[in-house]
Amino acid sequence: MGVGVEDKGFEVDGLVKKFGRTTAVDGVSLSAPRGQVLGLLGPNGAGKTTVVRVLATLLRPDAGEARVAGIDVRRDPGRVRRRIALSGQHTSVDDELSGRSNLVMIGRLLDLRREDARRRAGELLSRFGLDDAADRPVAAYSGGMRRRLDLAAALVGRPEVVFLDEPSVGLDPGKRDELWQMIRGLIRDGVTVLLTTQYLEEADALADEITVIDHGRVIASGTPAALKREVGGHTIVLRPADAADLGPAAAIVARVAGREPERSRRHELVVPVAGDAEFFEITAQLRGQGIEVSELAFRLPSLDEVFLSLTGAPAADTEDAAA
């Protein structure tokens, strides 16, 4: 798929997985080089979690190939498992143990010597801002702290590839931003990440490339910006500095764009346009009439609009209906 074995994070080629008469994944191909984030998007039941579980060696594919760091997941699942980590929608740490004990236990299960496991636990607790809570039972942790500990647990074995399946479910916006910073830290360390998410702003913020699947098939792939350009269309957002100028500004926008702009509660005018010519003409006419603006933006479609255009359904904040 265009990169050398040493540069491969993971790759899937013609993957097929069936559950009885239901084909959950039907010929999916995708890949990410080392040190990048691939965002895997799709409606509920599209097959995202199935792809993750195949790459994580939890399911055997019925056809096609899947490799992690150049290693075939069917032929050598043991070697694959030593190179990966999986963090799912629900934290997998033990509530009765402390954060430190959870990480030490995982290190021991990964055959680290006790002193090495404790050292690694200390490194990760510090990295994820859990020093003060390290020796408290996990049952006393907040949701954001538990999510940080779960991600730390996934990193005890220094994985080359991390699968994050809906990692932000249940987190408030502030905690979600903290998680994003941690994921960016993984990338700086050269870790490859496969991210499935229903929060499209998360994919927009983190993913180098995005693959969209629906009914088990890839329907689009590319960078976030490329997908937005593919859908087409732009939007002008305009807010006059003086609310009294809203009417004259709306008249200019309607005349140039050929349609009446929508008006928001924030005294914004929003109108879709075909390209940048309308933007420059509106700017010139506003200047000509001496109308000052506090906001004037020319935007590509949002990733939400791309998702809706490609799948015909809005993103939902729930897990896949199909495994």
Protein backbone atom coordinates (compact mmCIF):
# COMPACT_ATOMS: atom_id res chain seq x y z
CA MET A 1 0.00 0.00 0.00
CA GLY A 2 2.78 2.39 -0.79
CA VAL A 3 4.95 2.27 2.37
CA GLY A 4 7.77 0.01 3.49
CA VAL A 5 7.23 -2.63 6.16
CA GLU A 6 9.18 -0.60 8.72
CA ASP A 7 6.92 2.41 8.13
CA LYS A 8 3.60 0.61 8.34
CA GLY A 9 1.30 1.20 11.27
CA PHE A 10 -1.56 -0.99 10.14
CA GLU A 11 -3.31 -1.91 6.92
CA VAL A 12 -6.44 -3.73 5.87
CA ASP A 13 -6.97 -4.96 2.31
CA GLY A 14 -10.29 -6.37 1.07
CA LEU A 15 -11.43 -7.28 4.59
CA VAL A 16 -14.63 -9.32 4.89
CA LYS A 17 -16.30 -10.40 8.12
CA LYS A 18 -19.68 -12.08 8.41
CA PHE A 19 -21.86 -12.94 11.38
CA GLY A 20 -24.22 -15.61 10.16
CA ARG A 21 -26.10 -14.16 7.20
CA THR A 22 -25.05 -10.60 8.05
CA THR A 23 -21.98 -9.17 6.33
CA ALA A 24 -20.62 -6.67 8.84
CA VAL A 25 -17.53 -5.72 6.79
CA ASP A 26 -17.60 -6.11 3.02
CA GLY A 27 -14.26 -5.57 1.27
CA VAL A 28 -12.87 -2.74 3.43
CA SER A 29 -9.38 -1.45 2.63
CA LEU A 30 -7.60 1.19 4.71
CA SER A 31 -4.16 1.93 6.12
CA ALA A 32 -2.10 4.36 8.14
CA PRO A 33 1.68 4.83 8.20
CA ARG A 34 3.62 4.87 11.44
CA GLY A 35 2.99 7.90 13.63
CA GLN A 36 -0.31 9.01 12.11
CA VAL A 37 -3.98 8.99 13.13
CA LEU A 38 -6.61 7.41 10.90
CA GLY A 39 -10.15 8.40 11.81
CA LEU A 40 -12.69 5.69 11.04
CA LEU A 41 -16.19 7.15 10.76
CA GLY A 42 -19.57 5.69 9.94
CA PRO A 43 -23.16 5.42 11.16
CA ASN A 44 -24.18 2.97 13.85
CA GLY A 45 -23.75 -0.58 12.61
CA ALA A 46 -21.41 0.46 9.78
CA GLY A 47 -18.74 -2.05 10.87
CA LYS A 48 -16.20 0.23 12.56
CA THR A 49 -15.81 -1.83 15.73
CA THR A 50 -15.56 -5.02 13.67
CA VAL A 51 -12.57 -3.59 11.79
CA VAL A 52 -10.93 -2.66 15.10
CA ARG A 53 -11.54 -6.11 16.58
CA VAL A 54 -10.03 -7.82 13.54
CA LEU A 55 -6.89 -5.67 13.72
CA ALA A 56 -6.68 -6.31 17.46
CA THR A 57 -6.81 -10.11 16.79
CA LEU A 58 -10.13 -10.46 18.65
CA LEU A 59 -11.91 -11.63 15.48
CA ARG A 60 -10.65 -13.69 12.55
CA PRO A 61 -11.50 -12.23 9.14
CA ASP A 62 -13.40 -14.38 6.66
CA ALA A 63 -11.50 -12.93 3.69
CA GLY A 64 -8.93 -10.28 2.90
CA GLU A 65 -5.78 -9.35 4.74
CA ALA A 66 -5.06 -7.36 7.89
CA ARG A 67 -1.56 -6.48 9.10
CA VAL A 68 -0.16 -4.53 12.02
CA ALA A 69 3.44 -3.31 11.70
CA GLY A 70 3.68 -5.62 8.69
CA ILE A 71 2.58 -8.68 10.71
CA ASP A 72 -0.39 -10.72 9.51
CA VAL A 73 -3.07 -10.85 12.20
CA ARG A 74 -4.15 -14.37 11.25
CA ARG A 75 -0.75 -15.96 10.83
CA ASP A 76 0.95 -14.47 13.86
CA PRO A 77 -1.60 -12.97 16.29
CA GLY A 78 0.79 -13.34 19.23
CA ARG A 79 3.38 -11.01 17.69
CA VAL A 80 0.63 -8.54 16.81
CA ARG A 81 -0.65 -8.45 20.40
CA ARG A 82 2.79 -7.56 21.68
CA ARG A 83 2.78 -4.44 19.49
CA ILE A 84 -0.73 -3.08 20.08
CA ALA A 85 -3.05 -1.65 22.71
CA LEU A 86 -6.83 -1.33 22.65
CA SER A 87 -8.87 1.21 24.60
CA GLY A 88 -12.60 0.74 24.12
CA GLN A 89 -15.72 2.71 24.91
CA HIS A 90 -15.77 1.51 28.52
CA THR A 91 -12.80 1.63 30.88
CA SER A 92 -11.31 -1.75 31.73
CA VAL A 93 -9.43 -0.93 34.94
CA ASP A 94 -10.20 -2.59 38.30
CA ASP A 95 -12.26 -0.32 40.59
CA GLU A 96 -11.01 -1.93 43.79
CA LEU A 97 -7.33 -1.43 43.03
CA SER A 98 -5.49 1.87 43.10
CA GLY A 99 -4.39 3.50 39.89
CA ARG A 100 -0.79 2.50 40.58
CA SER A 101 -1.72 -1.10 41.37
CA ASN A 102 -3.71 -1.36 38.14
CA LEU A 103 -0.72 -0.29 36.07
CA VAL A 104 1.75 -2.47 37.98
CA MET A 105 -0.56 -5.48 37.55
CA ILE A 106 -0.74 -4.91 33.80
CA GLY A 107 3.02 -4.56 33.64
CA ARG A 108 3.47 -7.85 35.44
CA LEU A 109 1.00 -9.53 33.07
CA LEU A 110 3.20 -8.23 30.25
CA ASP A 111 6.19 -9.99 31.86
CA LEU A 112 7.86 -6.86 33.21
CA ARG A 113 9.93 -7.36 36.32
CA ARG A 114 8.26 -5.91 39.44
CA GLU A 115 10.64 -2.97 39.70
CA ASP A 116 10.28 -2.24 35.98
CA ALA A 117 6.49 -2.44 36.24
CA ARG A 118 6.48 0.03 39.15
CA ARG A 119 8.83 2.36 37.29
CA ARG A 120 6.64 2.28 34.18
CA ALA A 121 3.52 2.84 36.28
CA GLY A 122 5.12 5.90 37.88
CA GLU A 123 6.09 7.32 34.48
CA LEU A 124 2.55 6.97 33.13
CA LEU A 125 0.82 8.27 36.26
CA SER A 126 2.98 11.39 36.04
CA ARG A 127 2.44 11.78 32.30
CA PHE A 128 -1.33 11.61 32.65
CA GLY A 129 -1.57 13.88 35.67
CA LEU A 130 -2.58 11.16 38.13
CA ASP A 131 0.27 11.44 40.66
CA ASP A 132 -1.94 12.79 43.43
CA ALA A 133 -4.53 10.03 42.94
CA ALA A 134 -2.08 7.22 42.24
CA ASP A 135 -2.70 5.33 45.47
CA ARG A 136 -6.45 5.92 45.75
CA PRO A 137 -8.95 3.23 44.69
CA VAL A 138 -10.13 3.73 41.12
CA ALA A 139 -13.73 3.64 42.42
CA ALA A 140 -13.08 7.16 43.77
CA TYR A 141 -11.87 8.50 40.40
CA SER A 142 -13.94 10.86 38.26
CA GLY A 143 -14.94 9.80 34.75
CA GLY A 144 -12.14 11.84 33.22
CA MET A 145 -9.55 10.36 35.59
CA ARG A 146 -10.73 6.83 34.82
CA ARG A 147 -10.42 7.52 31.09
CA ARG A 148 -6.88 8.84 31.59
CA LEU A 149 -5.95 5.78 33.63
CA ASP A 150 -7.45 3.49 31.00
CA LEU A 151 -5.32 5.12 28.31
CA ALA A 152 -2.27 4.89 30.57
CA ALA A 153 -3.00 1.19 31.05
CA ALA A 154 -3.03 0.73 27.28
CA LEU A 155 0.47 2.20 27.09
CA VAL A 156 2.21 0.13 29.77
CA GLY A 157 3.70 -2.19 27.14
CA ARG A 158 4.90 0.69 24.91
CA PRO A 159 2.68 -0.29 21.95
CA GLU A 160 3.49 0.74 18.41
CA VAL A 161 -0.20 0.88 17.43
CA VAL A 162 -3.14 1.97 19.60
CA PHE A 163 -6.78 1.33 18.73
CA LEU A 164 -9.12 3.88 20.32
CA ASP A 165 -12.74 2.81 19.94
CA GLU A 166 -15.01 5.75 20.88
CA PRO A 167 -12.55 7.00 23.54
CA SER A 168 -14.50 10.18 24.39
CA VAL A 169 -17.88 8.60 25.14
CA GLY A 170 -19.26 10.07 28.36
CA LEU A 171 -16.64 12.81 28.74
CA ASP A 172 -17.58 16.47 29.06
CA PRO A 173 -15.95 18.91 26.57
CA GLY A 174 -13.18 19.89 28.99
CA LYS A 175 -12.18 16.30 29.70
CA ARG A 176 -12.44 15.48 26.02
CA ASP A 177 -9.91 18.22 25.25
CA GLU A 178 -7.56 16.74 27.86
CA LEU A 179 -7.86 13.38 26.14
CA TRP A 180 -7.09 14.97 22.78
CA GLN A 181 -3.89 16.43 24.18
CA MET A 182 -2.88 12.98 25.40
CA ILE A 183 -3.56 11.43 22.00
CA ARG A 184 -1.42 14.13 20.36
CA GLY A 185 1.31 13.14 22.79
CA LEU A 186 1.13 9.56 21.50
CA ILE A 187 1.61 10.79 17.96
CA ARG A 188 4.67 12.81 18.96
CA ASP A 189 6.08 9.55 20.34
CA GLY A 190 5.63 7.89 16.94
CA VAL A 191 2.60 5.76 17.89
CA THR A 192 0.06 4.97 15.16
CA VAL A 193 -3.59 5.45 16.15
CA LEU A 194 -6.82 4.11 14.71
CA LEU A 195 -9.61 6.27 16.08
CA THR A 196 -13.30 5.47 15.79
CA THR A 197 -15.54 8.26 16.98
CA GLN A 198 -19.01 9.73 16.67
CA TYR A 199 -17.70 13.17 17.67
CA LEU A 200 -16.85 14.56 14.27
CA GLU A 201 -14.99 17.55 15.69
CA GLU A 202 -12.72 14.96 17.34
CA ALA A 203 -11.84 13.40 14.00
CA ASP A 204 -11.39 16.86 12.49
CA ALA A 205 -9.01 17.86 15.29
CA LEU A 206 -6.94 14.67 15.47
CA ALA A 207 -7.02 12.65 12.24
CA ASP A 208 -4.42 12.95 9.49
CA GLU A 209 -6.71 10.89 7.24
CA ILE A 210 -10.34 9.84 7.49
CA THR A 211 -12.07 6.75 6.12
CA VAL A 212 -15.87 6.71 6.08
CA ILE A 213 -17.64 3.35 5.95
CA ASP A 214 -21.33 2.59 5.61
CA HIS A 215 -23.02 -0.82 5.51
CA GLY A 216 -19.59 -2.42 5.80
CA ARG A 217 -18.05 -0.67 2.78
CA VAL A 218 -15.70 2.26 2.33
CA ILE A 219 -17.59 5.17 0.79
CA ALA A 220 -14.97 7.92 1.09
CA SER A 221 -11.43 8.52 2.29
CA GLY A 222 -8.98 11.41 2.42
CA THR A 223 -7.82 14.22 4.64
CA PRO A 224 -10.55 16.17 6.47
CA ALA A 225 -9.95 19.15 4.16
CA ALA A 226 -10.09 16.98 1.03
CA LEU A 227 -13.39 15.40 2.09
CA LYS A 228 -14.85 18.84 2.72
CA ARG A 229 -13.77 20.01 -0.74
CA GLU A 230 -15.21 16.84 -2.29
CA VAL A 231 -18.64 17.53 -0.84
CA GLY A 232 -18.40 21.06 -2.23
CA GLY A 233 -20.01 24.31 -1.34
CA HIS A 234 -18.95 27.08 0.99
CA THR A 235 -20.66 29.18 3.61
CA ILE A 236 -20.28 32.87 4.40
CA VAL A 237 -20.85 33.93 8.00
CA LEU A 238 -21.19 37.68 8.59
CA ARG A 239 -21.90 39.69 11.72
CA PRO A 240 -22.01 43.50 11.54
CA ALA A 241 -20.22 45.40 14.29
CA ASP A 242 -23.38 47.48 14.73
CA ALA A 243 -26.64 45.53 14.99
CA ALA A 244 -28.36 48.46 13.21
CA ASP A 245 -26.45 47.48 10.05
CA LEU A 246 -27.94 43.96 10.01
CA GLY A 247 -30.66 44.92 7.48
CA PRO A 248 -28.37 46.70 4.97
CA ALA A 249 -25.79 43.91 5.28
CA ALA A 250 -28.48 41.28 4.67
CA ALA A 251 -29.56 43.15 1.54
CA ILE A 252 -26.00 43.08 0.19
CA VAL A 253 -25.63 39.37 0.93
CA ALA A 254 -28.99 38.54 -0.69
CA ARG A 255 -28.16 40.55 -3.79
CA VAL A 256 -24.74 38.96 -4.31
CA ALA A 257 -25.59 35.39 -3.24
CA GLY A 258 -28.98 35.35 -4.96
CA ARG A 259 -30.77 34.15 -1.85
CA GLU A 260 -31.81 35.47 1.53
CA PRO A 261 -29.31 34.73 4.31
CA GLU A 262 -30.37 32.98 7.49
CA ARG A 263 -30.27 35.12 10.63
CA SER A 264 -29.05 33.70 13.93
CA ARG A 265 -29.77 34.89 17.44
CA ARG A 266 -26.25 36.29 17.58
CA HIS A 267 -27.09 38.74 14.79
CA GLU A 268 -25.18 36.63 12.29
CA LEU A 269 -26.00 36.28 8.61
CA VAL A 270 -25.30 32.83 7.17
CA VAL A 271 -25.58 31.98 3.48
CA PRO A 272 -24.24 29.16 1.27
CA VAL A 273 -22.33 30.25 -1.84
CA ALA A 274 -20.72 28.53 -4.80
CA GLY A 275 -17.21 29.93 -4.37
CA ASP A 276 -14.98 32.75 -3.25
CA ALA A 277 -16.14 35.27 -5.87
CA GLU A 278 -19.27 36.00 -3.83
CA PHE A 279 -17.19 36.43 -0.69
CA PHE A 280 -14.95 39.07 -2.27
CA GLU A 281 -17.92 40.88 -3.82
CA ILE A 282 -19.78 41.00 -0.50
CA THR A 283 -16.62 42.28 1.20
CA ALA A 284 -16.24 45.02 -1.41
CA GLN A 285 -19.87 46.14 -1.14
CA LEU A 286 -19.75 46.22 2.66
CA ARG A 287 -16.66 48.40 2.47
CA GLY A 288 -18.32 50.58 -0.14
CA GLN A 289 -21.27 51.24 2.15
CA GLY A 290 -19.09 51.77 5.21
CA ILE A 291 -20.48 48.75 7.06
CA GLU A 292 -18.01 47.46 9.62
CA VAL A 293 -18.07 43.81 10.66
CA SER A 294 -17.04 42.02 13.83
CA GLU A 295 -17.03 38.64 12.06
CA LEU A 296 -16.65 37.67 8.43
CA ALA A 297 -15.78 34.07 7.61
CA PHE A 298 -15.62 31.95 4.46
CA ARG A 299 -15.91 28.31 5.46
CA LEU A 300 -15.74 24.90 3.88
CA PRO A 301 -18.50 22.48 4.93
CA SER A 302 -18.13 21.13 8.45
CA LEU A 303 -17.23 17.49 8.89
CA ASP A 304 -20.78 16.99 10.18
CA GLU A 305 -22.08 18.22 6.82
CA VAL A 306 -19.66 15.90 5.02
CA PHE A 307 -20.86 12.96 7.10
CA LEU A 308 -24.50 13.78 6.41
CA SER A 309 -23.85 14.18 2.70
CA LEU A 310 -21.98 10.88 2.43
CA THR A 311 -24.16 8.67 4.62
CA GLY A 312 -27.54 10.40 4.54
CA ALA A 313 -27.66 10.33 8.33
CA PRO A 314 -26.28 12.54 11.10
CA ALA A 315 -23.63 11.19 13.43
CA ALA A 316 -25.03 9.75 16.66
CA ASP A 317 -23.33 9.56 20.03
CA THR A 318 -23.93 5.84 20.46
CA GLU A 319 -21.87 2.74 19.82
CA ASP A 320 -22.17 0.49 16.79
CA ALA A 321 -25.28 -1.61 16.62
CA ALA A 322 -23.23 -4.34 14.93
CA ALA A 323 -20.12 -5.62 16.61
